[in-house]
Amino acid sequence: MKTIRQIADEIGVSKQAVHQKRKSKELSTALQSFTSTVDGVVYIDVDGEMLIKSAFSVVDRKHVDGSFTSTIDGSVTPVDGQKELYNILKTELEAKNEQIEKLQLELASERQHSREQSDKLALLAEQAQMLHAGTMQRQLTDGGGDQPEPDFPRNIIARLFKKKRSNEKK
């Protein structure tokens, strides 16, 4: 069972419009066996709901701009003179929707590829850090065999100058 508000929301009309339709000559008698009131709230069962919805979809049609008719649920039907234009526009809209769908799929694929590349780079960076940490640990545990002497910079400078002097003597 549904309330008037729930039915109105599903149809896309106001609660007052459903009340008016329910009280109309066509429906008031037919709906009596399908409605009940609890604490001031009107409930309508499934069969009554179907009657109300069918009354809105069949009876209520309005002219919009003199060239289209519109039903209460928002669907639009072109008048004879405009059918060709309507069909062209409908076809173009469907084509655009297909293009958008394809682009969305491509974008999702590109995002996935980008995430995969990012994960690979993060893994490589982690491996590089582990390699560097392992090298540092090995140097510390080996007693610093690869470590330079305390006067390392002076030795390099001295070697450079010796080579330069030996080249100048020749």
C-alpha atoms as a PDB file:
ATOM      1  CA  MET A   1       0.000   0.000   0.000  1.00  0.00           C
ATOM      2  CA  LYS A   2       1.181   3.493  -0.843  1.00  0.00           C
ATOM      3  CA  THR A   3       0.284   6.959   0.282  1.00  0.00           C
ATOM      4  CA  ILE A   4      -1.015   9.710  -1.973  1.00  0.00           C
ATOM      5  CA  ARG A   5       2.393  11.416  -1.658  1.00  0.00           C
ATOM      6  CA  GLN A   6       4.275   8.311  -2.816  1.00  0.00           C
ATOM      7  CA  ILE A   7       2.016   7.861  -5.845  1.00  0.00           C
ATOM      8  CA  ALA A   8       2.277  11.564  -6.709  1.00  0.00           C
ATOM      9  CA  ASP A   9       6.081  11.407  -6.532  1.00  0.00           C
ATOM     10  CA  GLU A  10       6.180   8.350  -8.810  1.00  0.00           C
ATOM     11  CA  ILE A  11       3.926   9.982 -11.403  1.00  0.00           C
ATOM     12  CA  GLY A  12       5.644  13.337 -11.129  1.00  0.00           C
ATOM     13  CA  VAL A  13       2.617  15.388 -10.098  1.00  0.00           C
ATOM     14  CA  SER A  14       1.573  17.175  -6.928  1.00  0.00           C
ATOM     15  CA  LYS A  15      -0.193  15.491  -4.046  1.00  0.00           C
ATOM     16  CA  GLN A  16      -3.174  17.801  -4.678  1.00  0.00           C
ATOM     17  CA  ALA A  17      -3.431  16.580  -8.296  1.00  0.00           C
ATOM     18  CA  VAL A  18      -3.709  12.977  -7.088  1.00  0.00           C
ATOM     19  CA  HIS A  19      -6.339  14.005  -4.504  1.00  0.00           C
ATOM     20  CA  GLN A  20      -8.357  15.784  -7.204  1.00  0.00           C
ATOM     21  CA  LYS A  21      -8.105  12.817  -9.544  1.00  0.00           C
ATOM     22  CA  ARG A  22      -9.152  10.481  -6.713  1.00  0.00           C
ATOM     23  CA  LYS A  23     -12.213  12.628  -5.976  1.00  0.00           C
ATOM     24  CA  SER A  24     -13.215  12.932  -9.664  1.00  0.00           C
ATOM     25  CA  LYS A  25     -16.389  11.287 -10.964  1.00  0.00           C
ATOM     26  CA  GLU A  26     -14.490   8.635 -12.917  1.00  0.00           C
ATOM     27  CA  LEU A  27     -12.427   7.362  -9.990  1.00  0.00           C
ATOM     28  CA  SER A  28     -14.171   8.161  -6.720  1.00  0.00           C
ATOM     29  CA  THR A  29     -16.481   5.133  -6.790  1.00  0.00           C
ATOM     30  CA  ALA A  30     -13.920   2.773  -8.316  1.00  0.00           C
ATOM     31  CA  LEU A  31     -11.256   3.644  -5.712  1.00  0.00           C
ATOM     32  CA  GLN A  32     -13.444   3.203  -2.628  1.00  0.00           C
ATOM     33  CA  SER A  33     -12.646  -0.483  -2.259  1.00  0.00           C
ATOM     34  CA  PHE A  34      -8.913   0.141  -2.835  1.00  0.00           C
ATOM     35  CA  THR A  35      -8.359   2.870  -0.203  1.00  0.00           C
ATOM     36  CA  SER A  36      -8.081   2.900   3.561  1.00  0.00           C
ATOM     37  CA  THR A  37      -7.351   5.658   6.074  1.00  0.00           C
ATOM     38  CA  VAL A  38      -5.092   5.106   9.082  1.00  0.00           C
ATOM     39  CA  ASP A  39      -4.414   7.982  11.503  1.00  0.00           C
ATOM     40  CA  GLY A  40      -5.584  10.469   8.886  1.00  0.00           C
ATOM     41  CA  VAL A  41      -3.275   9.127   6.172  1.00  0.00           C
ATOM     42  CA  VAL A  42      -4.902   7.727   3.024  1.00  0.00           C
ATOM     43  CA  TYR A  43      -3.395   4.474   1.771  1.00  0.00           C
ATOM     44  CA  ILE A  44      -4.106   3.055  -1.668  1.00  0.00           C
ATOM     45  CA  ASP A  45      -3.413  -0.556  -2.581  1.00  0.00           C
ATOM     46  CA  VAL A  46      -1.779  -1.765  -5.791  1.00  0.00           C
ATOM     47  CA  ASP A  47      -5.001  -1.991  -7.831  1.00  0.00           C
ATOM     48  CA  GLY A  48      -6.034   1.540  -6.825  1.00  0.00           C
ATOM     49  CA  GLU A  49      -2.550   2.803  -7.640  1.00  0.00           C
ATOM     50  CA  MET A  50      -2.848   1.328 -11.140  1.00  0.00           C
ATOM     51  CA  LEU A  51      -6.221   3.050 -11.650  1.00  0.00           C
ATOM     52  CA  ILE A  52      -4.807   6.428 -10.626  1.00  0.00           C
ATOM     53  CA  LYS A  53      -1.703   6.073 -12.784  1.00  0.00           C
ATOM     54  CA  SER A  54      -3.721   5.018 -15.813  1.00  0.00           C
ATOM     55  CA  ALA A  55      -6.081   7.974 -15.321  1.00  0.00           C
ATOM     56  CA  PHE A  56      -3.129  10.370 -15.427  1.00  0.00           C
ATOM     57  CA  SER A  57      -1.419   8.814 -18.447  1.00  0.00           C
ATOM     58  CA  VAL A  58      -4.554   8.609 -20.626  1.00  0.00           C
ATOM     59  CA  VAL A  59      -6.545  11.717 -19.805  1.00  0.00           C
ATOM     60  CA  ASP A  60      -4.037  14.504 -19.239  1.00  0.00           C
ATOM     61  CA  ARG A  61      -2.510  15.801 -22.470  1.00  0.00           C
ATOM     62  CA  LYS A  62      -1.460  19.394 -23.023  1.00  0.00           C
ATOM     63  CA  HIS A  63      -0.288  21.365 -26.055  1.00  0.00           C
ATOM     64  CA  VAL A  64       3.174  22.808 -25.730  1.00  0.00           C
ATOM     65  CA  ASP A  65       4.161  25.612 -28.152  1.00  0.00           C
ATOM     66  CA  GLY A  66       1.374  24.439 -30.491  1.00  0.00           C
ATOM     67  CA  SER A  67       3.603  21.781 -32.061  1.00  0.00           C
ATOM     68  CA  PHE A  68       4.013  19.037 -29.473  1.00  0.00           C
ATOM     69  CA  THR A  69       1.716  17.223 -27.109  1.00  0.00           C
ATOM     70  CA  SER A  70       3.026  16.275 -23.723  1.00  0.00           C
ATOM     71  CA  THR A  71       1.759  13.618 -21.354  1.00  0.00           C
ATOM     72  CA  ILE A  72       1.878  13.992 -17.606  1.00  0.00           C
ATOM     73  CA  ASP A  73       4.907  11.697 -17.364  1.00  0.00           C
ATOM     74  CA  GLY A  74       6.956  14.097 -19.492  1.00  0.00           C
ATOM     75  CA  SER A  75       7.108  12.118 -22.736  1.00  0.00           C
ATOM     76  CA  VAL A  76       6.735  14.221 -25.875  1.00  0.00           C
ATOM     77  CA  THR A  77       5.127  13.263 -29.193  1.00  0.00           C
ATOM     78  CA  PRO A  78       5.615  15.447 -32.287  1.00  0.00           C
ATOM     79  CA  VAL A  79       2.732  16.689 -34.386  1.00  0.00           C
ATOM     80  CA  ASP A  80       2.669  15.425 -38.021  1.00  0.00           C
ATOM     81  CA  GLY A  81       4.488  18.409 -39.600  1.00  0.00           C
ATOM     82  CA  GLN A  82       7.427  18.101 -37.224  1.00  0.00           C
ATOM     83  CA  LYS A  83       8.001  14.337 -37.299  1.00  0.00           C
ATOM     84  CA  GLU A  84      10.900  14.482 -39.761  1.00  0.00           C
ATOM     85  CA  LEU A  85      12.777  17.075 -37.715  1.00  0.00           C
ATOM     86  CA  TYR A  86      12.000  15.156 -34.537  1.00  0.00           C
ATOM     87  CA  ASN A  87      13.371  11.928 -36.039  1.00  0.00           C
ATOM     88  CA  ILE A  88      16.550  13.681 -37.227  1.00  0.00           C
ATOM     89  CA  LEU A  89      17.156  15.200 -33.811  1.00  0.00           C
ATOM     90  CA  LYS A  90      16.396  11.909 -32.081  1.00  0.00           C
ATOM     91  CA  THR A  91      18.895  10.090 -34.324  1.00  0.00           C
ATOM     92  CA  GLU A  92      21.569  12.726 -33.668  1.00  0.00           C
ATOM     93  CA  LEU A  93      20.969  12.517 -29.936  1.00  0.00           C
ATOM     94  CA  GLU A  94      21.317   8.736 -29.994  1.00  0.00           C
ATOM     95  CA  ALA A  95      24.579   9.068 -31.958  1.00  0.00           C
ATOM     96  CA  LYS A  96      25.915  11.603 -29.444  1.00  0.00           C
ATOM     97  CA  ASN A  97      24.952   9.320 -26.568  1.00  0.00           C
ATOM     98  CA  GLU A  98      26.878   6.467 -28.215  1.00  0.00           C
ATOM     99  CA  GLN A  99      29.919   8.735 -28.662  1.00  0.00           C
ATOM    100  CA  ILE A 100      29.753   9.770 -25.015  1.00  0.00           C
ATOM    101  CA  GLU A 101      29.509   6.137 -23.952  1.00  0.00           C
ATOM    102  CA  LYS A 102      32.571   5.208 -26.052  1.00  0.00           C
ATOM    103  CA  LEU A 103      34.563   8.137 -24.654  1.00  0.00           C
ATOM    104  CA  GLN A 104      33.620   7.177 -21.123  1.00  0.00           C
ATOM    105  CA  LEU A 105      34.869   3.635 -21.757  1.00  0.00           C
ATOM    106  CA  GLU A 106      38.124   4.967 -23.238  1.00  0.00           C
ATOM    107  CA  LEU A 107      38.578   7.294 -20.287  1.00  0.00           C
ATOM    108  CA  ALA A 108      38.017   4.442 -17.837  1.00  0.00           C
ATOM    109  CA  SER A 109      40.593   2.380 -19.731  1.00  0.00           C
ATOM    110  CA  GLU A 110      43.117   5.240 -19.670  1.00  0.00           C
ATOM    111  CA  ARG A 111      42.556   5.730 -15.940  1.00  0.00           C
ATOM    112  CA  GLN A 112      43.158   2.028 -15.344  1.00  0.00           C
ATOM    113  CA  HIS A 113      46.359   2.167 -17.424  1.00  0.00           C
ATOM    114  CA  SER A 114      47.495   5.237 -15.500  1.00  0.00           C
ATOM    115  CA  ARG A 115      46.845   3.489 -12.168  1.00  0.00           C
ATOM    116  CA  GLU A 116      48.837   0.458 -13.351  1.00  0.00           C
ATOM    117  CA  GLN A 117      51.772   2.675 -14.403  1.00  0.00           C
ATOM    118  CA  SER A 118      51.641   4.510 -11.090  1.00  0.00           C
ATOM    119  CA  ASP A 119      51.674   1.197  -9.209  1.00  0.00           C
ATOM    120  CA  LYS A 120      54.688   0.032 -11.254  1.00  0.00           C
ATOM    121  CA  LEU A 121      56.578   3.260 -10.515  1.00  0.00           C
ATOM    122  CA  ALA A 122      55.794   2.974  -6.815  1.00  0.00           C
ATOM    123  CA  LEU A 123      57.072  -0.629  -6.825  1.00  0.00           C
ATOM    124  CA  LEU A 124      60.290   0.403  -8.609  1.00  0.00           C
ATOM    125  CA  ALA A 125      60.846   3.231  -6.129  1.00  0.00           C
ATOM    126  CA  GLU A 126      60.322   0.830  -3.245  1.00  0.00           C
ATOM    127  CA  GLN A 127      62.772  -1.659  -4.772  1.00  0.00           C
ATOM    128  CA  ALA A 128      65.351   1.109  -5.265  1.00  0.00           C
ATOM    129  CA  GLN A 129      65.007   2.152  -1.631  1.00  0.00           C
ATOM    130  CA  MET A 130      65.404  -1.452  -0.505  1.00  0.00           C
ATOM    131  CA  LEU A 131      68.503  -1.861  -2.689  1.00  0.00           C
ATOM    132  CA  HIS A 132      70.015   1.339  -1.299  1.00  0.00           C
ATOM    133  CA  ALA A 133      69.220   0.287   2.267  1.00  0.00           C
ATOM    134  CA  GLY A 134      70.778  -3.125   1.627  1.00  0.00           C
ATOM    135  CA  THR A 135      73.950  -1.535   0.255  1.00  0.00           C
ATOM    136  CA  MET A 136      74.222   0.771   3.254  1.00  0.00           C
ATOM    137  CA  GLN A 137      73.671  -2.127   5.661  1.00  0.00           C
ATOM    138  CA  ARG A 138      76.322  -4.223   3.899  1.00  0.00           C
ATOM    139  CA  GLN A 139      78.841  -1.386   4.154  1.00  0.00           C
ATOM    140  CA  LEU A 140      78.179  -1.007   7.861  1.00  0.00           C
ATOM    141  CA  THR A 141      78.391  -4.754   8.614  1.00  0.00           C
ATOM    142  CA  ASP A 142      81.519  -5.300   6.455  1.00  0.00           C
ATOM    143  CA  GLY A 143      83.470  -2.881   8.609  1.00  0.00           C
ATOM    144  CA  GLY A 144      83.430  -0.177   6.026  1.00  0.00           C
ATOM    145  CA  GLY A 145      85.663  -1.874   3.504  1.00  0.00           C
ATOM    146  CA  ASP A 146      84.357   0.353   0.752  1.00  0.00           C
ATOM    147  CA  GLN A 147      84.389   3.439   2.909  1.00  0.00           C
ATOM    148  CA  PRO A 148      86.968   6.071   2.108  1.00  0.00           C
ATOM    149  CA  GLU A 149      89.763   6.995   4.491  1.00  0.00           C
ATOM    150  CA  PRO A 150      89.148   9.966   6.813  1.00  0.00           C
ATOM    151  CA  ASP A 151      91.435  12.180   4.740  1.00  0.00           C
ATOM    152  CA  PHE A 152      89.799  11.016   1.499  1.00  0.00           C
ATOM    153  CA  PRO A 153      89.327  14.483  -0.079  1.00  0.00           C
ATOM    154  CA  ARG A 154      92.983  15.351   0.542  1.00  0.00           C
ATOM    155  CA  ASN A 155      94.151  12.076  -1.086  1.00  0.00           C
ATOM    156  CA  ILE A 156      92.120  12.755  -4.216  1.00  0.00           C
ATOM    157  CA  ILE A 157      93.426  16.307  -4.474  1.00  0.00           C
ATOM    158  CA  ALA A 158      96.985  15.098  -3.958  1.00  0.00           C
ATOM    159  CA  ARG A 159      96.583  12.428  -6.647  1.00  0.00           C
ATOM    160  CA  LEU A 160      95.143  14.950  -9.067  1.00  0.00           C
ATOM    161  CA  PHE A 161      98.011  17.344  -8.542  1.00  0.00           C
ATOM    162  CA  LYS A 162     100.598  14.532  -8.868  1.00  0.00           C
ATOM    163  CA  LYS A 163      99.124  13.539 -12.217  1.00  0.00           C
ATOM    164  CA  LYS A 164      99.074  17.136 -13.338  1.00  0.00           C
ATOM    165  CA  ARG A 165     102.682  17.690 -12.289  1.00  0.00           C
ATOM    166  CA  SER A 166     103.799  14.501 -13.944  1.00  0.00           C
ATOM    167  CA  ASN A 167     102.072  15.607 -17.167  1.00  0.00           C
ATOM    168  CA  GLU A 168     103.786  19.030 -16.930  1.00  0.00           C
ATOM    169  CA  LYS A 169     107.231  17.450 -16.518  1.00  0.00           C
ATOM    170  CA  LYS A 170     106.898  15.526 -19.733  1.00  0.00           C
END
